Amino acid sequence: DTPEAFYRRLSDAVSGSDQLLLLVDVKGGTPSNVSALLVKEKGCHCV
């Protein structure tokens, strides 16, 4: 996976969500870095 491909998959998986909590495995890895983009875009929460 590229970060872009992972972003699309994550974004598609949560599309239509009015409230969102992201739980990611490790700070600084691709899942958390991509999730940070969704936090910025959607104002959601990420742990």
ModelCIF file with pLDDT and N, C-alpha, C, O atoms, coordinates in Angstrom:
data_MODEL
#
_entry.id   MODEL 
#
_entity.id                         1 
_entity.type                       polymer 
_entity.pdbx_number_of_molecules   1 
#
_entity_poly.entity_id                      1 
_entity_poly.type                           'polypeptide(L)' 
_entity_poly.nstd_linkage                   no 
_entity_poly.nstd_monomer                   no 
_entity_poly.pdbx_seq_one_letter_code       DTPEAFYRRLSDAVSGSDQLLLLVDVKGGTPSNVSALLVKEKGCHCV 
_entity_poly.pdbx_seq_one_letter_code_can   DTPEAFYRRLSDAVSGSDQLLLLVDVKGGTPSNVSALLVKEKGCHCV 
_entity_poly.pdbx_strand_id                 A 
#
loop_
_entity_poly_seq.entity_id 
_entity_poly_seq.num 
_entity_poly_seq.mon_id 
_entity_poly_seq.hetero 
1 1  ASP n 
1 2  THR n 
1 3  PRO n 
1 4  GLU n 
1 5  ALA n 
1 6  PHE n 
1 7  TYR n 
1 8  ARG n 
1 9  ARG n 
1 10 LEU n 
1 11 SER n 
1 12 ASP n 
1 13 ALA n 
1 14 VAL n 
1 15 SER n 
1 16 GLY n 
1 17 SER n 
1 18 ASP n 
1 19 GLN n 
1 20 LEU n 
1 21 LEU n 
1 22 LEU n 
1 23 LEU n 
1 24 VAL n 
1 25 ASP n 
1 26 VAL n 
1 27 LYS n 
1 28 GLY n 
1 29 GLY n 
1 30 THR n 
1 31 PRO n 
1 32 SER n 
1 33 ASN n 
1 34 VAL n 
1 35 SER n 
1 36 ALA n 
1 37 LEU n 
1 38 LEU n 
1 39 VAL n 
1 40 LYS n 
1 41 GLU n 
1 42 LYS n 
1 43 GLY n 
1 44 CYS n 
1 45 HIS n 
1 46 CYS n 
1 47 VAL n 
#
_struct_asym.id          A 
_struct_asym.entity_id   1 
#
loop_
_ma_qa_metric.id 
_ma_qa_metric.mode 
_ma_qa_metric.name 
_ma_qa_metric.software_group_id 
_ma_qa_metric.type 
1 global pLDDT . pLDDT 
2 local  pLDDT . pLDDT 
#
_ma_qa_metric_global.metric_id      1 
_ma_qa_metric_global.metric_value   96.68 
_ma_qa_metric_global.model_id       1 
_ma_qa_metric_global.ordinal_id     1 
#
loop_
_ma_qa_metric_local.label_asym_id 
_ma_qa_metric_local.label_comp_id 
_ma_qa_metric_local.label_seq_id 
_ma_qa_metric_local.metric_id 
_ma_qa_metric_local.metric_value 
_ma_qa_metric_local.model_id 
_ma_qa_metric_local.ordinal_id 
A ASP 1  2 97.00 1 1  
A THR 2  2 97.00 1 2  
A PRO 3  2 97.00 1 3  
A GLU 4  2 97.00 1 4  
A ALA 5  2 97.00 1 5  
A PHE 6  2 98.00 1 6  
A TYR 7  2 98.00 1 7  
A ARG 8  2 97.00 1 8  
A ARG 9  2 97.00 1 9  
A LEU 10 2 98.00 1 10 
A SER 11 2 97.00 1 11 
A ASP 12 2 97.00 1 12 
A ALA 13 2 97.00 1 13 
A VAL 14 2 97.00 1 14 
A SER 15 2 95.00 1 15 
A GLY 16 2 90.00 1 16 
A SER 17 2 92.00 1 17 
A ASP 18 2 90.00 1 18 
A GLN 19 2 96.00 1 19 
A LEU 20 2 97.00 1 20 
A LEU 21 2 98.00 1 21 
A LEU 22 2 98.00 1 22 
A LEU 23 2 98.00 1 23 
A VAL 24 2 98.00 1 24 
A ASP 25 2 98.00 1 25 
A VAL 26 2 98.00 1 26 
A LYS 27 2 98.00 1 27 
A GLY 28 2 97.00 1 28 
A GLY 29 2 97.00 1 29 
A THR 30 2 98.00 1 30 
A PRO 31 2 98.00 1 31 
A SER 32 2 98.00 1 32 
A ASN 33 2 98.00 1 33 
A VAL 34 2 98.00 1 34 
A SER 35 2 97.00 1 35 
A ALA 36 2 97.00 1 36 
A LEU 37 2 97.00 1 37 
A LEU 38 2 96.00 1 38 
A VAL 39 2 97.00 1 39 
A LYS 40 2 96.00 1 40 
A GLU 41 2 95.00 1 41 
A LYS 42 2 94.00 1 42 
A GLY 43 2 95.00 1 43 
A CYS 44 2 96.00 1 44 
A HIS 45 2 97.00 1 45 
A CYS 46 2 98.00 1 46 
A VAL 47 2 98.00 1 47 
#
loop_
_atom_site.group_PDB 
_atom_site.id 
_atom_site.type_symbol 
_atom_site.label_atom_id 
_atom_site.label_alt_id 
_atom_site.label_comp_id 
_atom_site.label_asym_id 
_atom_site.label_entity_id 
_atom_site.label_seq_id 
_atom_site.pdbx_PDB_ins_code 
_atom_site.Cartn_x 
_atom_site.Cartn_y 
_atom_site.Cartn_z 
_atom_site.occupancy 
_atom_site.B_iso_or_equiv 
_atom_site.pdbx_formal_charge 
_atom_site.auth_seq_id 
_atom_site.auth_comp_id 
_atom_site.auth_asym_id 
_atom_site.auth_atom_id 
_atom_site.pdbx_PDB_model_num 
ATOM 1   N N  . ASP A 1 1  ? 0.818   -1.211 0.000  1.00 97.00 ? 1  ASP A N  1 
ATOM 2   C CA . ASP A 1 1  ? 0.000   0.000  0.000  1.00 97.00 ? 1  ASP A CA 1 
ATOM 3   C C  . ASP A 1 1  ? 0.853   1.262  0.000  1.00 97.00 ? 1  ASP A C  1 
ATOM 4   O O  . ASP A 1 1  ? 1.868   1.348  0.691  1.00 97.00 ? 1  ASP A O  1 
ATOM 5   N N  . THR A 1 2  ? 0.422   2.225  -0.780 1.00 97.00 ? 2  THR A N  1 
ATOM 6   C CA . THR A 1 2  ? 0.988   3.570  -0.669 1.00 97.00 ? 2  THR A CA 1 
ATOM 7   C C  . THR A 1 2  ? 0.150   4.323  0.363  1.00 97.00 ? 2  THR A C  1 
ATOM 8   O O  . THR A 1 2  ? -0.995  3.947  0.613  1.00 97.00 ? 2  THR A O  1 
ATOM 9   N N  . PRO A 1 3  ? 0.694   5.368  0.959  1.00 97.00 ? 3  PRO A N  1 
ATOM 10  C CA . PRO A 1 3  ? -0.119  6.174  1.872  1.00 97.00 ? 3  PRO A CA 1 
ATOM 11  C C  . PRO A 1 3  ? -1.395  6.691  1.199  1.00 97.00 ? 3  PRO A C  1 
ATOM 12  O O  . PRO A 1 3  ? -2.446  6.765  1.836  1.00 97.00 ? 3  PRO A O  1 
ATOM 13  N N  . GLU A 1 4  ? -1.306  7.041  -0.068 1.00 97.00 ? 4  GLU A N  1 
ATOM 14  C CA . GLU A 1 4  ? -2.472  7.543  -0.796 1.00 97.00 ? 4  GLU A CA 1 
ATOM 15  C C  . GLU A 1 4  ? -3.555  6.464  -0.932 1.00 97.00 ? 4  GLU A C  1 
ATOM 16  O O  . GLU A 1 4  ? -4.742  6.740  -0.761 1.00 97.00 ? 4  GLU A O  1 
ATOM 17  N N  . ALA A 1 5  ? -3.136  5.257  -1.236 1.00 97.00 ? 5  ALA A N  1 
ATOM 18  C CA . ALA A 1 5  ? -4.093  4.160  -1.362 1.00 97.00 ? 5  ALA A CA 1 
ATOM 19  C C  . ALA A 1 5  ? -4.737  3.855  -0.011 1.00 97.00 ? 5  ALA A C  1 
ATOM 20  O O  . ALA A 1 5  ? -5.939  3.602  0.067  1.00 97.00 ? 5  ALA A O  1 
ATOM 21  N N  . PHE A 1 6  ? -3.933  3.880  1.046  1.00 98.00 ? 6  PHE A N  1 
ATOM 22  C CA . PHE A 1 6  ? -4.473  3.640  2.386  1.00 98.00 ? 6  PHE A CA 1 
ATOM 23  C C  . PHE A 1 6  ? -5.451  4.757  2.775  1.00 98.00 ? 6  PHE A C  1 
ATOM 24  O O  . PHE A 1 6  ? -6.503  4.492  3.358  1.00 98.00 ? 6  PHE A O  1 
ATOM 25  N N  . TYR A 1 7  ? -5.100  5.989  2.452  1.00 98.00 ? 7  TYR A N  1 
ATOM 26  C CA . TYR A 1 7  ? -5.998  7.115  2.724  1.00 98.00 ? 7  TYR A CA 1 
ATOM 27  C C  . TYR A 1 7  ? -7.349  6.908  2.041  1.00 98.00 ? 7  TYR A C  1 
ATOM 28  O O  . TYR A 1 7  ? -8.394  7.090  2.666  1.00 98.00 ? 7  TYR A O  1 
ATOM 29  N N  . ARG A 1 8  ? -7.334  6.531  0.771  1.00 97.00 ? 8  ARG A N  1 
ATOM 30  C CA . ARG A 1 8  ? -8.586  6.313  0.047  1.00 97.00 ? 8  ARG A CA 1 
ATOM 31  C C  . ARG A 1 8  ? -9.416  5.209  0.706  1.00 97.00 ? 8  ARG A C  1 
ATOM 32  O O  . ARG A 1 8  ? -10.630 5.344  0.854  1.00 97.00 ? 8  ARG A O  1 
ATOM 33  N N  . ARG A 1 9  ? -8.754  4.115  1.101  1.00 97.00 ? 9  ARG A N  1 
ATOM 34  C CA . ARG A 1 9  ? -9.470  2.991  1.716  1.00 97.00 ? 9  ARG A CA 1 
ATOM 35  C C  . ARG A 1 9  ? -10.062 3.402  3.064  1.00 97.00 ? 9  ARG A C  1 
ATOM 36  O O  . ARG A 1 9  ? -11.208 3.074  3.372  1.00 97.00 ? 9  ARG A O  1 
ATOM 37  N N  . LEU A 1 10 ? -9.274  4.119  3.864  1.00 98.00 ? 10 LEU A N  1 
ATOM 38  C CA . LEU A 1 10 ? -9.769  4.568  5.166  1.00 98.00 ? 10 LEU A CA 1 
ATOM 39  C C  . LEU A 1 10 ? -10.890 5.585  4.991  1.00 98.00 ? 10 LEU A C  1 
ATOM 40  O O  . LEU A 1 10 ? -11.921 5.506  5.659  1.00 98.00 ? 10 LEU A O  1 
ATOM 41  N N  . SER A 1 11 ? -10.686 6.518  4.108  1.00 97.00 ? 11 SER A N  1 
ATOM 42  C CA . SER A 1 11 ? -11.693 7.548  3.857  1.00 97.00 ? 11 SER A CA 1 
ATOM 43  C C  . SER A 1 11 ? -12.996 6.927  3.353  1.00 97.00 ? 11 SER A C  1 
ATOM 44  O O  . SER A 1 11 ? -14.078 7.322  3.789  1.00 97.00 ? 11 SER A O  1 
ATOM 45  N N  . ASP A 1 12 ? -12.903 5.967  2.447  1.00 97.00 ? 12 ASP A N  1 
ATOM 46  C CA . ASP A 1 12 ? -14.094 5.277  1.940  1.00 97.00 ? 12 ASP A CA 1 
ATOM 47  C C  . ASP A 1 12 ? -14.800 4.514  3.056  1.00 97.00 ? 12 ASP A C  1 
ATOM 48  O O  . ASP A 1 12 ? -16.030 4.488  3.110  1.00 97.00 ? 12 ASP A O  1 
ATOM 49  N N  . ALA A 1 13 ? -14.027 3.892  3.950  1.00 97.00 ? 13 ALA A N  1 
ATOM 50  C CA . ALA A 1 13 ? -14.602 3.085  5.023  1.00 97.00 ? 13 ALA A CA 1 
ATOM 51  C C  . ALA A 1 13 ? -15.411 3.917  6.013  1.00 97.00 ? 13 ALA A C  1 
ATOM 52  O O  . ALA A 1 13 ? -16.331 3.410  6.654  1.00 97.00 ? 13 ALA A O  1 
ATOM 53  N N  . VAL A 1 14 ? -15.067 5.184  6.133  1.00 97.00 ? 14 VAL A N  1 
ATOM 54  C CA . VAL A 1 14 ? -15.755 6.039  7.112  1.00 97.00 ? 14 VAL A CA 1 
ATOM 55  C C  . VAL A 1 14 ? -16.613 7.119  6.461  1.00 97.00 ? 14 VAL A C  1 
ATOM 56  O O  . VAL A 1 14 ? -17.143 7.993  7.147  1.00 97.00 ? 14 VAL A O  1 
ATOM 57  N N  . SER A 1 15 ? -16.748 7.058  5.150  1.00 95.00 ? 15 SER A N  1 
ATOM 58  C CA . SER A 1 15 ? -17.552 8.074  4.469  1.00 95.00 ? 15 SER A CA 1 
ATOM 59  C C  . SER A 1 15 ? -18.992 7.988  4.967  1.00 95.00 ? 15 SER A C  1 
ATOM 60  O O  . SER A 1 15 ? -19.508 6.903  5.233  1.00 95.00 ? 15 SER A O  1 
ATOM 61  N N  . GLY A 1 16 ? -19.606 9.108  5.082  1.00 90.00 ? 16 GLY A N  1 
ATOM 62  C CA . GLY A 1 16 ? -20.982 9.149  5.558  1.00 90.00 ? 16 GLY A CA 1 
ATOM 63  C C  . GLY A 1 16 ? -21.110 9.134  7.066  1.00 90.00 ? 16 GLY A C  1 
ATOM 64  O O  . GLY A 1 16 ? -22.224 9.199  7.586  1.00 90.00 ? 16 GLY A O  1 
ATOM 65  N N  . SER A 1 17 ? -20.000 9.051  7.782  1.00 92.00 ? 17 SER A N  1 
ATOM 66  C CA . SER A 1 17 ? -20.042 9.051  9.245  1.00 92.00 ? 17 SER A CA 1 
ATOM 67  C C  . SER A 1 17 ? -20.179 10.483 9.734  1.00 92.00 ? 17 SER A C  1 
ATOM 68  O O  . SER A 1 17 ? -19.380 11.349 9.380  1.00 92.00 ? 17 SER A O  1 
ATOM 69  N N  . ASP A 1 18 ? -21.203 10.727 10.556 1.00 90.00 ? 18 ASP A N  1 
ATOM 70  C CA . ASP A 1 18 ? -21.348 12.067 11.107 1.00 90.00 ? 18 ASP A CA 1 
ATOM 71  C C  . ASP A 1 18 ? -20.458 12.270 12.325 1.00 90.00 ? 18 ASP A C  1 
ATOM 72  O O  . ASP A 1 18 ? -20.034 13.392 12.602 1.00 90.00 ? 18 ASP A O  1 
ATOM 73  N N  . GLN A 1 19 ? -20.172 11.204 13.051 1.00 96.00 ? 19 GLN A N  1 
ATOM 74  C CA . GLN A 1 19 ? -19.222 11.221 14.169 1.00 96.00 ? 19 GLN A CA 1 
ATOM 75  C C  . GLN A 1 19 ? -18.243 10.081 13.952 1.00 96.00 ? 19 GLN A C  1 
ATOM 76  O O  . GLN A 1 19 ? -18.627 8.991  13.528 1.00 96.00 ? 19 GLN A O  1 
ATOM 77  N N  . LEU A 1 20 ? -16.974 10.341 14.245 1.00 97.00 ? 20 LEU A N  1 
ATOM 78  C CA . LEU A 1 20 ? -15.943 9.352  13.944 1.00 97.00 ? 20 LEU A CA 1 
ATOM 79  C C  . LEU A 1 20 ? -14.871 9.334  15.021 1.00 97.00 ? 20 LEU A C  1 
ATOM 80  O O  . LEU A 1 20 ? -14.370 10.377 15.442 1.00 97.00 ? 20 LEU A O  1 
ATOM 81  N N  . LEU A 1 21 ? -14.528 8.124  15.460 1.00 98.00 ? 21 LEU A N  1 
ATOM 82  C CA . LEU A 1 21 ? -13.386 7.893  16.345 1.00 98.00 ? 21 LEU A CA 1 
ATOM 83  C C  . LEU A 1 21 ? -12.461 6.927  15.632 1.00 98.00 ? 21 LEU A C  1 
ATOM 84  O O  . LEU A 1 21 ? -12.865 5.824  15.262 1.00 98.00 ? 21 LEU A O  1 
ATOM 85  N N  . LEU A 1 22 ? -11.217 7.346  15.441 1.00 98.00 ? 22 LEU A N  1 
ATOM 86  C CA . LEU A 1 22 ? -10.192 6.501  14.843 1.00 98.00 ? 22 LEU A CA 1 
ATOM 87  C C  . LEU A 1 22 ? -9.295  5.962  15.952 1.00 98.00 ? 22 LEU A C  1 
ATOM 88  O O  . LEU A 1 22 ? -8.792  6.730  16.772 1.00 98.00 ? 22 LEU A O  1 
ATOM 89  N N  . LEU A 1 23 ? -9.095  4.664  15.982 1.00 98.00 ? 23 LEU A N  1 
ATOM 90  C CA . LEU A 1 23 ? -8.153  4.020  16.893 1.00 98.00 ? 23 LEU A CA 1 
ATOM 91  C C  . LEU A 1 23 ? -7.054  3.442  16.026 1.00 98.00 ? 23 LEU A C  1 
ATOM 92  O O  . LEU A 1 23 ? -7.311  2.566  15.201 1.00 98.00 ? 23 LEU A O  1 
ATOM 93  N N  . VAL A 1 24 ? -5.825  3.925  16.204 1.00 98.00 ? 24 VAL A N  1 
ATOM 94  C CA . VAL A 1 24 ? -4.714  3.492  15.358 1.00 98.00 ? 24 VAL A CA 1 
ATOM 95  C C  . VAL A 1 24 ? -3.665  2.782  16.193 1.00 98.00 ? 24 VAL A C  1 
ATOM 96  O O  . VAL A 1 24 ? -3.563  2.993  17.401 1.00 98.00 ? 24 VAL A O  1 
ATOM 97  N N  . ASP A 1 25 ? -2.884  1.936  15.531 1.00 98.00 ? 25 ASP A N  1 
ATOM 98  C CA . ASP A 1 25 ? -1.962  1.081  16.267 1.00 98.00 ? 25 ASP A CA 1 
ATOM 99  C C  . ASP A 1 25 ? -0.784  1.824  16.892 1.00 98.00 ? 25 ASP A C  1 
ATOM 100 O O  . ASP A 1 25 ? -0.464  1.589  18.057 1.00 98.00 ? 25 ASP A O  1 
ATOM 101 N N  . VAL A 1 26 ? -0.135  2.712  16.148 1.00 98.00 ? 26 VAL A N  1 
ATOM 102 C CA . VAL A 1 26 ? 1.086   3.324  16.682 1.00 98.00 ? 26 VAL A CA 1 
ATOM 103 C C  . VAL A 1 26 ? 1.233   4.753  16.162 1.00 98.00 ? 26 VAL A C  1 
ATOM 104 O O  . VAL A 1 26 ? 1.041   5.017  14.975 1.00 98.00 ? 26 VAL A O  1 
ATOM 105 N N  . LYS A 1 27 ? 1.568   5.645  17.042 1.00 98.00 ? 27 LYS A N  1 
ATOM 106 C CA . LYS A 1 27 ? 1.814   7.035  16.664 1.00 98.00 ? 27 LYS A CA 1 
ATOM 107 C C  . LYS A 1 27 ? 3.016   7.106  15.725 1.00 98.00 ? 27 LYS A C  1 
ATOM 108 O O  . LYS A 1 27 ? 4.054   6.495  15.979 1.00 98.00 ? 27 LYS A O  1 
ATOM 109 N N  . GLY A 1 28 ? 2.862   7.855  14.648 1.00 97.00 ? 28 GLY A N  1 
ATOM 110 C CA . GLY A 1 28 ? 3.964   8.068  13.721 1.00 97.00 ? 28 GLY A CA 1 
ATOM 111 C C  . GLY A 1 28 ? 3.999   7.121  12.544 1.00 97.00 ? 28 GLY A C  1 
ATOM 112 O O  . GLY A 1 28 ? 4.764   7.338  11.604 1.00 97.00 ? 28 GLY A O  1 
ATOM 113 N N  . GLY A 1 29 ? 3.182   6.067  12.570 1.00 97.00 ? 29 GLY A N  1 
ATOM 114 C CA . GLY A 1 29 ? 3.125   5.146  11.450 1.00 97.00 ? 29 GLY A CA 1 
ATOM 115 C C  . GLY A 1 29 ? 2.150   5.659  10.394 1.00 97.00 ? 29 GLY A C  1 
ATOM 116 O O  . GLY A 1 29 ? 1.425   6.628  10.621 1.00 97.00 ? 29 GLY A O  1 
ATOM 117 N N  . THR A 1 30 ? 2.142   5.010  9.264  1.00 98.00 ? 30 THR A N  1 
ATOM 118 C CA . THR A 1 30 ? 1.255   5.428  8.179  1.00 98.00 ? 30 THR A CA 1 
ATOM 119 C C  . THR A 1 30 ? -0.211  5.489  8.613  1.00 98.00 ? 30 THR A C  1 
ATOM 120 O O  . THR A 1 30 ? -0.885  6.460  8.270  1.00 98.00 ? 30 THR A O  1 
ATOM 121 N N  . PRO A 1 31 ? -0.742  4.508  9.347  1.00 98.00 ? 31 PRO A N  1 
ATOM 122 C CA . PRO A 1 31 ? -2.152  4.629  9.754  1.00 98.00 ? 31 PRO A CA 1 
ATOM 123 C C  . PRO A 1 31 ? -2.421  5.889  10.582 1.00 98.00 ? 31 PRO A C  1 
ATOM 124 O O  . PRO A 1 31 ? -3.447  6.541  10.387 1.00 98.00 ? 31 PRO A O  1 
ATOM 125 N N  . SER A 1 32 ? -1.526  6.237  11.493 1.00 98.00 ? 32 SER A N  1 
ATOM 126 C CA . SER A 1 32 ? -1.765  7.449  12.291 1.00 98.00 ? 32 SER A CA 1 
ATOM 127 C C  . SER A 1 32 ? -1.542  8.708  11.467 1.00 98.00 ? 32 SER A C  1 
ATOM 128 O O  . SER A 1 32 ? -2.274  9.686  11.619 1.00 98.00 ? 32 SER A O  1 
ATOM 129 N N  . ASN A 1 33 ? -0.551  8.693  10.607 1.00 98.00 ? 33 ASN A N  1 
ATOM 130 C CA . ASN A 1 33 ? -0.306  9.870  9.768  1.00 98.00 ? 33 ASN A CA 1 
ATOM 131 C C  . ASN A 1 33 ? -1.465  10.129 8.812  1.00 98.00 ? 33 ASN A C  1 
ATOM 132 O O  . ASN A 1 33 ? -1.865  11.276 8.615  1.00 98.00 ? 33 ASN A O  1 
ATOM 133 N N  . VAL A 1 34 ? -2.000  9.075  8.224  1.00 98.00 ? 34 VAL A N  1 
ATOM 134 C CA . VAL A 1 34 ? -3.155  9.216  7.341  1.00 98.00 ? 34 VAL A CA 1 
ATOM 135 C C  . VAL A 1 34 ? -4.382  9.628  8.156  1.00 98.00 ? 34 VAL A C  1 
ATOM 136 O O  . VAL A 1 34 ? -5.180  10.451 7.706  1.00 98.00 ? 34 VAL A O  1 
ATOM 137 N N  . SER A 1 35 ? -4.533  9.063  9.341  1.00 97.00 ? 35 SER A N  1 
ATOM 138 C CA . SER A 1 35 ? -5.655  9.436  10.199 1.00 97.00 ? 35 SER A CA 1 
ATOM 139 C C  . SER A 1 35 ? -5.596  10.909 10.576 1.00 97.00 ? 35 SER A C  1 
ATOM 140 O O  . SER A 1 35 ? -6.633  11.554 10.732 1.00 97.00 ? 35 SER A O  1 
ATOM 141 N N  . ALA A 1 36 ? -4.392  11.442 10.721 1.00 97.00 ? 36 ALA A N  1 
ATOM 142 C CA . ALA A 1 36 ? -4.240  12.866 11.029 1.00 97.00 ? 36 ALA A CA 1 
ATOM 143 C C  . ALA A 1 36 ? -4.870  13.729 9.939  1.00 97.00 ? 36 ALA A C  1 
ATOM 144 O O  . ALA A 1 36 ? -5.417  14.794 10.225 1.00 97.00 ? 36 ALA A O  1 
ATOM 145 N N  . LEU A 1 37 ? -4.793  13.272 8.698  1.00 97.00 ? 37 LEU A N  1 
ATOM 146 C CA . LEU A 1 37 ? -5.443  14.000 7.611  1.00 97.00 ? 37 LEU A CA 1 
ATOM 147 C C  . LEU A 1 37 ? -6.957  14.021 7.797  1.00 97.00 ? 37 LEU A C  1 
ATOM 148 O O  . LEU A 1 37 ? -7.606  15.039 7.559  1.00 97.00 ? 37 LEU A O  1 
ATOM 149 N N  . LEU A 1 38 ? -7.516  12.882 8.225  1.00 96.00 ? 38 LEU A N  1 
ATOM 150 C CA . LEU A 1 38 ? -8.960  12.827 8.458  1.00 96.00 ? 38 LEU A CA 1 
ATOM 151 C C  . LEU A 1 38 ? -9.360  13.674 9.661  1.00 96.00 ? 38 LEU A C  1 
ATOM 152 O O  . LEU A 1 38 ? -10.425 14.291 9.659  1.00 96.00 ? 38 LEU A O  1 
ATOM 153 N N  . VAL A 1 39 ? -8.521  13.707 10.677 1.00 97.00 ? 39 VAL A N  1 
ATOM 154 C CA . VAL A 1 39 ? -8.794  14.570 11.834 1.00 97.00 ? 39 VAL A CA 1 
ATOM 155 C C  . VAL A 1 39 ? -8.894  16.017 11.363 1.00 97.00 ? 39 VAL A C  1 
ATOM 156 O O  . VAL A 1 39 ? -9.796  16.754 11.762 1.00 97.00 ? 39 VAL A O  1 
ATOM 157 N N  . LYS A 1 40 ? -7.958  16.408 10.511 1.00 96.00 ? 40 LYS A N  1 
ATOM 158 C CA . LYS A 1 40 ? -7.954  17.777 9.991  1.00 96.00 ? 40 LYS A CA 1 
ATOM 159 C C  . LYS A 1 40 ? -9.181  18.040 9.119  1.00 96.00 ? 40 LYS A C  1 
ATOM 160 O O  . LYS A 1 40 ? -9.801  19.098 9.225  1.00 96.00 ? 40 LYS A O  1 
ATOM 161 N N  . GLU A 1 41 ? -9.530  17.089 8.266  1.00 95.00 ? 41 GLU A N  1 
ATOM 162 C CA . GLU A 1 41 ? -10.648 17.272 7.334  1.00 95.00 ? 41 GLU A CA 1 
ATOM 163 C C  . GLU A 1 41 ? -12.009 17.193 8.010  1.00 95.00 ? 41 GLU A C  1 
ATOM 164 O O  . GLU A 1 41 ? -12.901 17.990 7.723  1.00 95.00 ? 41 GLU A O  1 
ATOM 165 N N  . LYS A 1 42 ? -12.163 16.219 8.916  1.00 94.00 ? 42 LYS A N  1 
ATOM 166 C CA . LYS A 1 42 ? -13.477 15.936 9.485  1.00 94.00 ? 42 LYS A CA 1 
ATOM 167 C C  . LYS A 1 42 ? -13.651 16.451 10.913 1.00 94.00 ? 42 LYS A C  1 
ATOM 168 O O  . LYS A 1 42 ? -14.767 16.475 11.432 1.00 94.00 ? 42 LYS A O  1 
ATOM 169 N N  . GLY A 1 43 ? -12.553 16.863 11.549 1.00 95.00 ? 43 GLY A N  1 
ATOM 170 C CA . GLY A 1 43 ? -12.651 17.274 12.941 1.00 95.00 ? 43 GLY A CA 1 
ATOM 171 C C  . GLY A 1 43 ? -12.989 16.119 13.869 1.00 95.00 ? 43 GLY A C  1 
ATOM 172 O O  . GLY A 1 43 ? -13.598 16.313 14.921 1.00 95.00 ? 43 GLY A O  1 
ATOM 173 N N  . CYS A 1 44 ? -12.588 14.912 13.472 1.00 96.00 ? 44 CYS A N  1 
ATOM 174 C CA . CYS A 1 44 ? -12.892 13.722 14.266 1.00 96.00 ? 44 CYS A CA 1 
ATOM 175 C C  . CYS A 1 44 ? -11.834 13.511 15.350 1.00 96.00 ? 44 CYS A C  1 
ATOM 176 O O  . CYS A 1 44 ? -10.924 14.325 15.508 1.00 96.00 ? 44 CYS A O  1 
ATOM 177 N N  . HIS A 1 45 ? -11.961 12.438 16.073 1.00 97.00 ? 45 HIS A N  1 
ATOM 178 C CA . HIS A 1 45 ? -11.038 12.106 17.164 1.00 97.00 ? 45 HIS A CA 1 
ATOM 179 C C  . HIS A 1 45 ? -10.188 10.913 16.762 1.00 97.00 ? 45 HIS A C  1 
ATOM 180 O O  . HIS A 1 45 ? -10.641 10.028 16.037 1.00 97.00 ? 45 HIS A O  1 
ATOM 181 N N  . CYS A 1 46 ? -8.954  10.899 17.239 1.00 98.00 ? 46 CYS A N  1 
ATOM 182 C CA . CYS A 1 46 ? -8.026  9.811  16.926 1.00 98.00 ? 46 CYS A CA 1 
ATOM 183 C C  . CYS A 1 46 ? -7.198  9.502  18.162 1.00 98.00 ? 46 CYS A C  1 
ATOM 184 O O  . CYS A 1 46 ? -6.645  10.408 18.787 1.00 98.00 ? 46 CYS A O  1 
ATOM 185 N N  . VAL A 1 47 ? -7.110  8.227  18.516 1.00 98.00 ? 47 VAL A N  1 
ATOM 186 C CA . VAL A 1 47 ? -6.308  7.781  19.650 1.00 98.00 ? 47 VAL A CA 1 
ATOM 187 C C  . VAL A 1 47 ? -5.304  6.749  19.130 1.00 98.00 ? 47 VAL A C  1 
ATOM 188 O O  . VAL A 1 47 ? -4.507  6.219  19.904 1.00 98.00 ? 47 VAL A O  1 
#
